[in-house]
């Protein structure tokens, strides 16, 4: 029996979805010099939430997630 989710945001991410999100996270962390686990986890959460909201293009994810950084000099 196939599960139906009332909201697209409730659907589980596939391994391909997670791969896109992970690539974006790795690229942003490298570009911004992010190494502490707390910041990495927060950025990962933002990327996944954006992806669930329909932002699937890696460059758009990088732009939007990168703009959430607290440190404007990063």
C-alpha atoms as a PDB file:
ATOM      1  CA  UNK A   1       0.000   0.000   0.000  1.00  0.00           C
ATOM      2  CA  UNK A   2       1.385   3.369  -1.013  1.00  0.00           C
ATOM      3  CA  UNK A   3       1.456   6.138   1.585  1.00  0.00           C
ATOM      4  CA  UNK A   4      -0.031   9.483   0.651  1.00  0.00           C
ATOM      5  CA  UNK A   5       1.115  12.601   2.424  1.00  0.00           C
ATOM      6  CA  UNK A   6      -1.276  15.550   2.581  1.00  0.00           C
ATOM      7  CA  UNK A   7       1.558  18.041   2.386  1.00  0.00           C
ATOM      8  CA  UNK A   8       4.661  17.771   0.194  1.00  0.00           C
ATOM      9  CA  UNK A   9       6.757  18.885   3.172  1.00  0.00           C
ATOM     10  CA  UNK A  10       5.681  15.714   5.021  1.00  0.00           C
ATOM     11  CA  UNK A  11       7.017  13.375   2.347  1.00  0.00           C
ATOM     12  CA  UNK A  12      10.276  11.613   3.232  1.00  0.00           C
ATOM     13  CA  UNK A  13      13.347  12.726   1.318  1.00  0.00           C
ATOM     14  CA  UNK A  14      14.880  10.205  -1.066  1.00  0.00           C
ATOM     15  CA  UNK A  15      18.568   9.332  -1.129  1.00  0.00           C
ATOM     16  CA  UNK A  16      18.873  11.545  -4.230  1.00  0.00           C
ATOM     17  CA  UNK A  17      17.270  14.452  -2.348  1.00  0.00           C
ATOM     18  CA  UNK A  18      19.650  13.976   0.565  1.00  0.00           C
ATOM     19  CA  UNK A  19      22.599  13.771  -1.811  1.00  0.00           C
ATOM     20  CA  UNK A  20      21.707  17.170  -3.291  1.00  0.00           C
ATOM     21  CA  UNK A  21      21.310  18.676   0.190  1.00  0.00           C
ATOM     22  CA  UNK A  22      24.589  17.158   1.385  1.00  0.00           C
ATOM     23  CA  UNK A  23      26.491  18.456  -1.642  1.00  0.00           C
ATOM     24  CA  UNK A  24      25.096  21.957  -1.034  1.00  0.00           C
ATOM     25  CA  UNK A  25      26.022  21.729   2.663  1.00  0.00           C
ATOM     26  CA  UNK A  26      29.573  20.559   1.917  1.00  0.00           C
ATOM     27  CA  UNK A  27      30.072  23.324  -0.639  1.00  0.00           C
ATOM     28  CA  UNK A  28      28.748  26.065   1.643  1.00  0.00           C
ATOM     29  CA  UNK A  29      30.800  24.880   4.610  1.00  0.00           C
ATOM     30  CA  UNK A  30      33.972  24.789   2.509  1.00  0.00           C
ATOM     31  CA  UNK A  31      33.306  28.176   0.925  1.00  0.00           C
ATOM     32  CA  UNK A  32      32.412  29.858   4.233  1.00  0.00           C
ATOM     33  CA  UNK A  33      34.985  28.080   6.383  1.00  0.00           C
ATOM     34  CA  UNK A  34      32.334  26.553   8.638  1.00  0.00           C
ATOM     35  CA  UNK A  35      33.730  23.779  10.830  1.00  0.00           C
ATOM     36  CA  UNK A  36      31.858  23.773  14.140  1.00  0.00           C
ATOM     37  CA  UNK A  37      29.198  21.085  14.458  1.00  0.00           C
ATOM     38  CA  UNK A  38      26.470  23.378  15.769  1.00  0.00           C
ATOM     39  CA  UNK A  39      26.688  25.725  12.791  1.00  0.00           C
ATOM     40  CA  UNK A  40      26.913  22.821  10.338  1.00  0.00           C
ATOM     41  CA  UNK A  41      23.801  21.221  11.868  1.00  0.00           C
ATOM     42  CA  UNK A  42      21.878  24.508  11.764  1.00  0.00           C
ATOM     43  CA  UNK A  43      22.847  25.077   8.124  1.00  0.00           C
ATOM     44  CA  UNK A  44      21.884  21.490   7.227  1.00  0.00           C
ATOM     45  CA  UNK A  45      18.486  22.030   8.822  1.00  0.00           C
ATOM     46  CA  UNK A  46      17.949  25.206   6.809  1.00  0.00           C
ATOM     47  CA  UNK A  47      18.947  23.499   3.552  1.00  0.00           C
ATOM     48  CA  UNK A  48      16.590  20.586   4.179  1.00  0.00           C
ATOM     49  CA  UNK A  49      13.716  22.909   5.066  1.00  0.00           C
ATOM     50  CA  UNK A  50      14.274  24.950   1.904  1.00  0.00           C
ATOM     51  CA  UNK A  51      14.383  21.722  -0.116  1.00  0.00           C
ATOM     52  CA  UNK A  52      11.119  20.545   1.437  1.00  0.00           C
ATOM     53  CA  UNK A  53       9.558  23.893   0.514  1.00  0.00           C
ATOM     54  CA  UNK A  54      10.384  23.256  -3.140  1.00  0.00           C
ATOM     55  CA  UNK A  55      13.809  24.827  -3.659  1.00  0.00           C
ATOM     56  CA  UNK A  56      15.626  22.018  -5.490  1.00  0.00           C
ATOM     57  CA  UNK A  57      18.243  23.870  -7.544  1.00  0.00           C
ATOM     58  CA  UNK A  58      21.645  23.600  -5.798  1.00  0.00           C
ATOM     59  CA  UNK A  59      22.723  27.158  -6.639  1.00  0.00           C
ATOM     60  CA  UNK A  60      19.445  28.566  -5.323  1.00  0.00           C
ATOM     61  CA  UNK A  61      19.795  26.490  -2.147  1.00  0.00           C
ATOM     62  CA  UNK A  62      23.341  27.817  -1.662  1.00  0.00           C
ATOM     63  CA  UNK A  63      22.212  31.391  -2.176  1.00  0.00           C
ATOM     64  CA  UNK A  64      19.260  31.186   0.211  1.00  0.00           C
ATOM     65  CA  UNK A  65      20.932  29.079   2.901  1.00  0.00           C
ATOM     66  CA  UNK A  66      24.127  31.126   2.731  1.00  0.00           C
ATOM     67  CA  UNK A  67      22.140  34.316   3.244  1.00  0.00           C
ATOM     68  CA  UNK A  68      20.985  33.048   6.649  1.00  0.00           C
ATOM     69  CA  UNK A  69      24.459  33.250   8.155  1.00  0.00           C
ATOM     70  CA  UNK A  70      24.663  35.438  11.257  1.00  0.00           C
ATOM     71  CA  UNK A  71      28.151  36.723  10.436  1.00  0.00           C
ATOM     72  CA  UNK A  72      28.015  39.156   7.496  1.00  0.00           C
ATOM     73  CA  UNK A  73      31.797  38.868   7.058  1.00  0.00           C
ATOM     74  CA  UNK A  74      31.613  35.090   6.465  1.00  0.00           C
END
